[in-house]
């Protein structure tokens, strides 16, 4: 259903490409950031004075952090960026044909094509890349475990028609093969599912651990059977784990295992069992919060003290509230003198009504006289 790869190969480039399937796609980013090794054929357009010694010196100069701009034919935006060349060697050089074979150990995202052009400029002659092969990607190399697409097709044919999965097991490897180079922490089976749900990796759940674990180092959390649970960042060194009894060992970076692969084992302790019983009896609400019927034993177990308001305190609070209300109403009346204005306005309205009645009576009398 899901597939991913550890880094694209340009056209006419051969070599290693890690293809991840289903759950293994969660490890794609960690493999993309891993280093890569290439073997390239360099063609120089003219003879180099000094021969192989000059070319070897120029190759050694192109190590460390280098500025690169992707070539015209590339799948990324052509903007200037920095890539690290960890190591480079000139394996062979033919002075007659002006051809050389380079071996590079570089950072992910390095363009060897651009590096060959820079090497030609450094030698004073133009140069270009003739051929390229990726011999290592992350922990996988071409001598161990690399298969072709034809091998995959043949293995799938055997599985579909003859129900023989032996070839398929040779072609498709478990995802743990990508994590062999990581340092490991083995946890208890009862803690596996809790970690899959995002729980912290605590020291009581740890069974074994590797030597020389450093702070902020990327490690892998595994079960007793060797199944990868998650990638994590170490928060304790090996010496700290040996000395401490409690604490957070590592924080989760990426969960690999599916949830509920192992049974749920949390919520079965004495406190959790007592809490479930209180909820069932109505001494705690549905969310586990205390109410009027909560016993003192519960507060003692969770380490809290029940807060109860005494009747005198309630009377004091009521009297304070009444005083505040009276003061507020008094201030509202004094500020605008609203009550006096209403009292003065009422007689004026009555006088106007009397005048209207008198006018109405005079008109009726005049009509009667007529």
Protein backbone atom coordinates (compact mmCIF):
# COMPACT_ATOMS: atom_id res chain seq x y z
CA UNK A 1 0.00 0.00 0.00
CA UNK A 2 2.84 2.41 0.84
CA UNK A 3 6.29 2.67 -0.71
CA UNK A 4 9.17 5.10 -0.31
CA UNK A 5 12.84 5.37 -1.22
CA UNK A 6 16.01 6.71 0.36
CA UNK A 7 16.99 9.14 -2.43
CA UNK A 8 16.51 9.41 -6.17
CA UNK A 9 19.00 8.20 -8.76
CA UNK A 10 19.51 10.47 -11.77
CA UNK A 11 19.09 9.07 -15.31
CA UNK A 12 21.92 6.75 -16.43
CA UNK A 13 23.05 6.29 -12.80
CA UNK A 14 23.17 2.77 -11.35
CA UNK A 15 23.67 1.36 -7.88
CA UNK A 16 21.91 1.11 -4.51
CA UNK A 17 18.41 2.44 -3.90
CA UNK A 18 16.61 1.46 -0.69
CA UNK A 19 12.89 0.90 -1.35
CA UNK A 20 10.73 0.81 1.81
CA UNK A 21 7.35 -0.94 1.97
CA UNK A 22 4.44 -0.32 4.39
CA UNK A 23 5.75 0.17 7.96
CA UNK A 24 9.33 0.57 6.73
CA UNK A 25 8.34 3.88 5.10
CA UNK A 26 8.53 5.39 8.60
CA UNK A 27 12.31 4.97 8.39
CA UNK A 28 12.70 6.75 5.04
CA UNK A 29 13.74 10.10 6.53
CA UNK A 30 16.38 8.54 8.75
CA UNK A 31 17.83 6.73 5.73
CA UNK A 32 17.71 9.81 3.50
CA UNK A 33 19.93 11.70 5.95
CA UNK A 34 22.49 8.87 6.07
CA UNK A 35 25.71 9.17 4.08
CA UNK A 36 26.24 7.76 0.59
CA UNK A 37 29.22 6.47 -1.37
CA UNK A 38 29.75 6.84 -5.13
CA UNK A 39 32.21 5.65 -7.76
CA UNK A 40 32.39 8.04 -10.73
CA UNK A 41 34.27 8.14 -14.04
CA UNK A 42 35.76 11.60 -14.69
CA UNK A 43 36.63 12.80 -18.19
CA UNK A 44 39.00 15.77 -18.59
CA UNK A 45 38.93 17.61 -21.92
CA UNK A 46 42.68 18.10 -22.20
CA UNK A 47 45.94 16.86 -20.75
CA UNK A 48 46.78 17.93 -17.20
CA UNK A 49 50.34 19.10 -16.53
CA UNK A 50 51.80 17.00 -13.74
CA UNK A 51 49.65 13.96 -14.52
CA UNK A 52 48.17 11.82 -11.77
CA UNK A 53 49.87 13.66 -8.88
CA UNK A 54 48.17 16.95 -9.82
CA UNK A 55 44.76 15.29 -10.17
CA UNK A 56 45.14 13.49 -6.83
CA UNK A 57 46.01 16.76 -5.08
CA UNK A 58 42.98 18.51 -6.61
CA UNK A 59 40.68 15.66 -5.54
CA UNK A 60 41.93 15.91 -1.95
CA UNK A 61 41.27 19.67 -1.96
CA UNK A 62 37.59 19.07 -2.79
CA UNK A 63 36.70 17.76 0.68
CA UNK A 64 34.76 19.30 3.52
CA UNK A 65 31.89 21.78 3.08
CA UNK A 66 31.48 22.81 -0.57
CA UNK A 67 29.12 25.18 -2.36
CA UNK A 68 27.02 23.48 -5.03
CA UNK A 69 24.28 24.44 -7.44
CA UNK A 70 22.26 21.55 -8.91
CA UNK A 71 22.76 20.95 -12.67
CA UNK A 72 20.23 21.99 -15.30
CA UNK A 73 18.71 18.52 -15.45
CA UNK A 74 17.69 17.95 -11.82
CA UNK A 75 14.57 17.27 -9.78
CA UNK A 76 15.17 20.05 -7.22
CA UNK A 77 15.24 23.84 -7.27
CA UNK A 78 18.51 25.24 -8.63
CA UNK A 79 19.70 27.29 -5.69
CA UNK A 80 23.12 27.52 -4.08
CA UNK A 81 23.59 25.17 -1.12
CA UNK A 82 26.31 23.57 1.00
CA UNK A 83 27.11 19.84 0.94
CA UNK A 84 29.82 17.95 2.84
CA UNK A 85 32.35 15.65 1.17
CA UNK A 86 33.65 13.44 3.98
CA UNK A 87 36.31 11.59 1.97
CA UNK A 88 37.45 11.37 -1.66
CA UNK A 89 40.06 9.26 -3.47
CA UNK A 90 41.42 8.94 -6.99
CA UNK A 91 41.39 5.18 -7.63
CA UNK A 92 42.73 5.15 -11.18
CA UNK A 93 43.87 7.66 -13.79
CA UNK A 94 44.67 7.14 -17.49
CA UNK A 95 46.86 9.98 -18.72
CA UNK A 96 46.47 9.05 -22.39
CA UNK A 97 42.66 9.03 -22.37
CA UNK A 98 42.38 11.73 -19.65
CA UNK A 99 39.99 9.49 -17.69
CA UNK A 100 39.93 9.00 -13.93
CA UNK A 101 37.93 6.93 -11.44
CA UNK A 102 36.84 8.72 -8.24
CA UNK A 103 35.53 7.27 -4.99
CA UNK A 104 33.45 9.63 -2.79
CA UNK A 105 31.91 9.41 0.67
CA UNK A 106 29.51 12.35 0.85
CA UNK A 107 26.38 13.80 2.39
CA UNK A 108 22.93 13.06 1.02
CA UNK A 109 21.96 15.46 -1.75
CA UNK A 110 25.48 15.88 -3.18
CA UNK A 111 25.67 16.22 -6.98
CA UNK A 112 28.74 14.36 -8.24
CA UNK A 113 28.14 15.81 -11.70
CA UNK A 114 28.69 19.32 -10.32
CA UNK A 115 31.73 18.11 -8.37
CA UNK A 116 33.37 16.82 -11.57
CA UNK A 117 32.82 20.20 -13.26
CA UNK A 118 34.44 21.96 -10.28
CA UNK A 119 37.37 19.53 -10.41
CA UNK A 120 37.95 20.41 -14.07
CA UNK A 121 37.93 24.13 -13.25
CA UNK A 122 40.37 23.56 -10.38
CA UNK A 123 42.79 21.76 -12.72
CA UNK A 124 42.56 24.52 -15.31
CA UNK A 125 40.86 22.28 -17.87
CA UNK A 126 37.16 21.62 -18.30
CA UNK A 127 35.81 18.30 -17.10
CA UNK A 128 32.60 16.32 -16.89
CA UNK A 129 31.18 13.17 -15.36
CA UNK A 130 31.15 10.18 -17.68
CA UNK A 131 29.53 7.49 -15.49
CA UNK A 132 28.25 7.20 -11.92
CA UNK A 133 27.36 4.34 -9.60
CA UNK A 134 26.12 4.49 -6.01
CA UNK A 135 27.90 1.75 -4.07
CA UNK A 136 26.40 2.48 -0.63
CA UNK A 137 23.23 4.11 0.66
CA UNK A 138 22.97 4.38 4.42
CA UNK A 139 23.86 1.00 5.89
CA UNK A 140 23.13 -0.98 2.70
CA UNK A 141 25.86 -1.53 0.10
CA UNK A 142 26.01 -3.26 -3.27
CA UNK A 143 27.96 -6.28 -2.02
CA UNK A 144 25.44 -7.32 0.66
CA UNK A 145 21.74 -7.66 0.11
CA UNK A 146 21.32 -5.72 -3.13
CA UNK A 147 18.89 -7.29 -5.62
CA UNK A 148 17.65 -6.26 -9.04
CA UNK A 149 14.08 -5.63 -10.12
CA UNK A 150 14.24 -8.87 -12.14
CA UNK A 151 14.94 -10.78 -8.92
CA UNK A 152 11.88 -9.19 -7.34
CA UNK A 153 9.69 -10.14 -10.32
CA UNK A 154 10.94 -13.74 -10.22
CA UNK A 155 10.37 -14.01 -6.47
CA UNK A 156 6.83 -12.67 -6.82
CA UNK A 157 6.11 -15.13 -9.64
CA UNK A 158 7.22 -18.05 -7.47
CA UNK A 159 5.04 -16.84 -4.61
CA UNK A 160 1.93 -16.32 -6.78
CA UNK A 161 2.11 -19.57 -8.76
CA UNK A 162 3.95 -22.04 -6.52
CA UNK A 163 3.26 -20.53 -3.08
CA UNK A 164 7.02 -20.53 -2.46
CA UNK A 165 8.03 -17.56 -0.33
CA UNK A 166 11.69 -18.51 0.15
CA UNK A 167 12.88 -16.29 -2.72
CA UNK A 168 10.63 -13.46 -1.55
CA UNK A 169 12.22 -13.58 1.90
CA UNK A 170 15.65 -13.22 0.32
CA UNK A 171 14.55 -10.20 -1.71
CA UNK A 172 12.39 -8.38 0.87
CA UNK A 173 14.15 -7.89 4.20
CA UNK A 174 12.66 -6.92 7.58
CA UNK A 175 12.90 -3.24 8.51
CA UNK A 176 15.24 -4.07 11.40
CA UNK A 177 17.99 -4.56 8.78
CA UNK A 178 18.11 -0.76 8.36
CA UNK A 179 18.68 -0.22 12.11
CA UNK A 180 21.65 -2.53 12.68
CA UNK A 181 24.02 0.42 13.06
CA UNK A 182 21.99 2.05 15.86
CA UNK A 183 22.63 1.48 19.54
CA UNK A 184 19.80 -0.40 21.24
CA UNK A 185 17.73 -0.37 24.41
CA UNK A 186 15.70 -3.51 25.11
CA UNK A 187 12.42 -2.92 26.98
CA UNK A 188 9.98 -5.26 28.72
CA UNK A 189 7.10 -6.80 26.79
CA UNK A 190 4.63 -5.16 29.19
CA UNK A 191 5.92 -1.70 28.21
CA UNK A 192 5.91 -2.18 24.41
CA UNK A 193 2.28 -1.27 23.70
CA UNK A 194 2.44 1.76 26.01
CA UNK A 195 5.41 3.08 24.01
CA UNK A 196 3.46 2.47 20.78
CA UNK A 197 0.75 4.76 22.19
CA UNK A 198 3.33 7.49 22.94
CA UNK A 199 4.26 6.79 26.57
CA UNK A 200 7.64 7.93 27.84
CA UNK A 201 10.45 5.38 27.92
CA UNK A 202 11.01 5.09 31.66
CA UNK A 203 13.86 3.35 33.44
CA UNK A 204 11.73 0.67 35.21
CA UNK A 205 10.71 -0.69 31.79
CA UNK A 206 14.29 -1.14 30.55
CA UNK A 207 15.84 -4.61 30.55
CA UNK A 208 19.17 -4.18 28.75
CA UNK A 209 21.09 -1.47 26.93
CA UNK A 210 24.23 -1.05 24.84
CA UNK A 211 27.47 0.51 26.00
CA UNK A 212 28.63 4.03 25.10
CA UNK A 213 25.16 5.56 24.67
CA UNK A 214 25.58 9.34 24.64
CA UNK A 215 23.15 12.19 25.30
CA UNK A 216 20.95 13.25 22.33
CA UNK A 217 22.10 10.25 20.30
CA UNK A 218 19.61 8.52 18.00
CA UNK A 219 18.94 5.00 19.28
CA UNK A 220 16.44 2.22 18.56
CA UNK A 221 14.06 0.71 21.13
CA UNK A 222 13.56 -3.04 20.61
CA UNK A 223 11.65 -5.89 22.21
CA UNK A 224 13.13 -9.04 23.71
CA UNK A 225 12.55 -10.75 20.34
CA UNK A 226 14.54 -8.08 18.48
CA UNK A 227 11.53 -6.27 16.95
CA UNK A 228 11.97 -2.54 16.46
CA UNK A 229 9.46 -0.50 18.47
CA UNK A 230 10.58 3.07 17.76
CA UNK A 231 13.43 5.43 17.07
CA UNK A 232 14.29 7.59 20.07
CA UNK A 233 16.65 10.31 21.29
CA UNK A 234 18.67 9.29 24.34
CA UNK A 235 18.21 11.49 27.44
CA UNK A 236 20.56 9.42 29.61
CA UNK A 237 24.03 8.06 29.05
CA UNK A 238 24.94 4.44 29.78
CA UNK A 239 26.62 5.41 33.06
CA UNK A 240 23.53 7.38 34.17
CA UNK A 241 21.23 4.43 33.42
CA UNK A 242 23.44 2.20 35.57
CA UNK A 243 23.32 4.59 38.56
CA UNK A 244 19.66 5.72 38.55
CA UNK A 245 16.52 3.87 39.64
CA UNK A 246 13.91 6.07 38.00
CA UNK A 247 13.62 8.65 35.24
CA UNK A 248 13.04 9.15 31.51
CA UNK A 249 15.63 7.24 29.49
CA UNK A 250 14.74 8.52 26.01
CA UNK A 251 12.11 10.49 24.13
CA UNK A 252 10.32 9.02 21.12
CA UNK A 253 11.31 10.28 17.69
CA UNK A 254 9.32 7.93 15.41
CA UNK A 255 7.15 4.95 16.34
CA UNK A 256 7.69 2.01 13.99
CA UNK A 257 5.56 -0.79 15.47
CA UNK A 258 1.78 -0.84 15.02
CA UNK A 259 -0.42 -0.32 18.06
CA UNK A 260 -1.87 -3.32 19.90
CA UNK A 261 0.72 -5.71 18.45
CA UNK A 262 1.46 -6.51 22.09
CA UNK A 263 -1.33 -6.65 24.73
CA UNK A 264 -2.19 -3.64 26.86
CA UNK A 265 -0.63 -3.91 30.28
CA UNK A 266 -1.22 -0.46 31.74
CA UNK A 267 -4.04 0.22 34.21
CA UNK A 268 -3.57 -3.10 36.04
CA UNK A 269 -1.64 -1.82 39.07
CA UNK A 270 -3.03 -1.45 42.63
CA UNK A 271 -3.86 2.27 42.30
CA UNK A 272 -5.55 1.85 38.91
CA UNK A 273 -7.57 -1.14 40.16
CA UNK A 274 -8.70 0.79 43.25
CA UNK A 275 -9.69 3.73 41.04
CA UNK A 276 -11.82 1.50 38.79
CA UNK A 277 -13.57 0.09 41.85
CA UNK A 278 -14.37 3.59 43.19
CA UNK A 279 -15.75 4.67 39.81
CA UNK A 280 -17.92 1.56 39.70
CA UNK A 281 -19.27 2.23 43.24
CA UNK A 282 -19.95 5.90 42.43
CA UNK A 283 -17.31 7.25 44.82
CA UNK A 284 -15.58 8.91 41.85
CA UNK A 285 -17.22 10.39 38.79
CA UNK A 286 -16.88 8.88 35.30
CA UNK A 287 -13.70 10.85 34.63
CA UNK A 288 -12.10 9.73 37.90
CA UNK A 289 -12.52 13.03 39.74
CA UNK A 290 -13.36 13.20 43.44
CA UNK A 291 -16.88 13.90 44.72
CA UNK A 292 -18.65 14.05 48.11
CA UNK A 293 -18.52 10.26 48.57
CA UNK A 294 -14.78 9.90 47.90
CA UNK A 295 -13.06 8.14 50.85
CA UNK A 296 -9.91 9.39 52.56
CA UNK A 297 -7.97 6.33 51.36
CA UNK A 298 -8.09 7.66 47.80
CA UNK A 299 -6.53 10.99 48.79
CA UNK A 300 -3.82 9.16 50.71
CA UNK A 301 -2.97 6.98 47.69
CA UNK A 302 -2.71 9.86 45.25
CA UNK A 303 -0.96 12.10 47.79
CA UNK A 304 -3.57 14.88 48.01
CA UNK A 305 -5.42 16.47 50.92
CA UNK A 306 -9.20 16.99 50.59
CA UNK A 307 -10.23 20.63 50.86
CA UNK A 308 -13.50 21.14 52.81
CA UNK A 309 -15.15 24.52 53.42
CA UNK A 310 -16.41 24.97 56.99
CA UNK A 311 -19.91 26.47 57.65
CA UNK A 312 -18.44 29.59 59.28
CA UNK A 313 -16.40 30.21 56.16
CA UNK A 314 -19.55 29.88 54.04
CA UNK A 315 -21.39 32.49 56.19
CA UNK A 316 -18.41 34.82 55.96
CA UNK A 317 -18.33 34.46 52.19
CA UNK A 318 -22.08 35.18 51.92
CA UNK A 319 -21.83 38.31 54.11
CA UNK A 320 -18.88 39.56 52.06
CA UNK A 321 -20.83 39.03 48.84
CA UNK A 322 -23.84 40.96 50.20
CA UNK A 323 -21.64 43.88 51.29
CA UNK A 324 -20.00 44.05 47.88
CA UNK A 325 -23.41 44.03 46.20
CA UNK A 326 -24.75 46.83 48.44
CA UNK A 327 -21.65 48.97 47.91
CA UNK A 328 -21.95 48.53 44.17
CA UNK A 329 -25.63 49.55 44.13
CA UNK A 330 -24.92 52.54 46.38
CA UNK A 331 -22.12 53.76 44.12
CA UNK A 332 -24.31 53.39 41.05
CA UNK A 333 -27.00 55.55 42.70
CA UNK A 334 -24.61 58.27 43.93
CA UNK A 335 -22.68 58.72 40.70
CA UNK A 336 -25.52 59.91 38.47
CA UNK A 337 -28.26 60.79 41.04
CA UNK A 338 -30.60 58.68 38.93
CA UNK A 339 -33.23 58.27 41.68
CA UNK A 340 -33.69 62.06 42.17
CA UNK A 341 -34.05 62.70 38.46
CA UNK A 342 -36.76 60.03 38.18
CA UNK A 343 -38.63 61.54 41.14
CA UNK A 344 -38.49 65.02 39.61
CA UNK A 345 -39.56 63.80 36.21
CA UNK A 346 -42.69 61.99 37.43
CA UNK A 347 -44.72 65.10 38.54
CA UNK A 348 -44.02 66.86 35.22
CA UNK A 349 -45.57 63.96 33.35
CA UNK A 350 -48.65 64.07 35.60
CA UNK A 351 -49.08 67.84 35.06
CA UNK A 352 -48.93 67.40 31.29
CA UNK A 353 -51.63 64.71 31.47
CA UNK A 354 -53.88 67.04 33.56
CA UNK A 355 -53.49 69.84 31.01
CA UNK A 356 -54.49 67.49 28.20
CA UNK A 357 -57.62 66.45 30.15
CA UNK A 358 -58.61 70.11 30.74
CA UNK A 359 -58.25 70.91 27.06
CA UNK A 360 -60.42 67.91 26.20
CA UNK A 361 -63.11 69.04 28.68
CA UNK A 362 -63.17 72.62 27.28
CA UNK A 363 -63.64 71.35 23.74
CA UNK A 364 -66.60 69.18 24.83
CA UNK A 365 -68.24 72.16 26.61
CA UNK A 366 -67.86 74.34 23.52
CA UNK A 367 -69.50 71.69 21.37
CA UNK A 368 -72.39 71.40 23.85
CA UNK A 369 -72.95 75.17 23.82
CA UNK A 370 -73.09 75.19 20.05
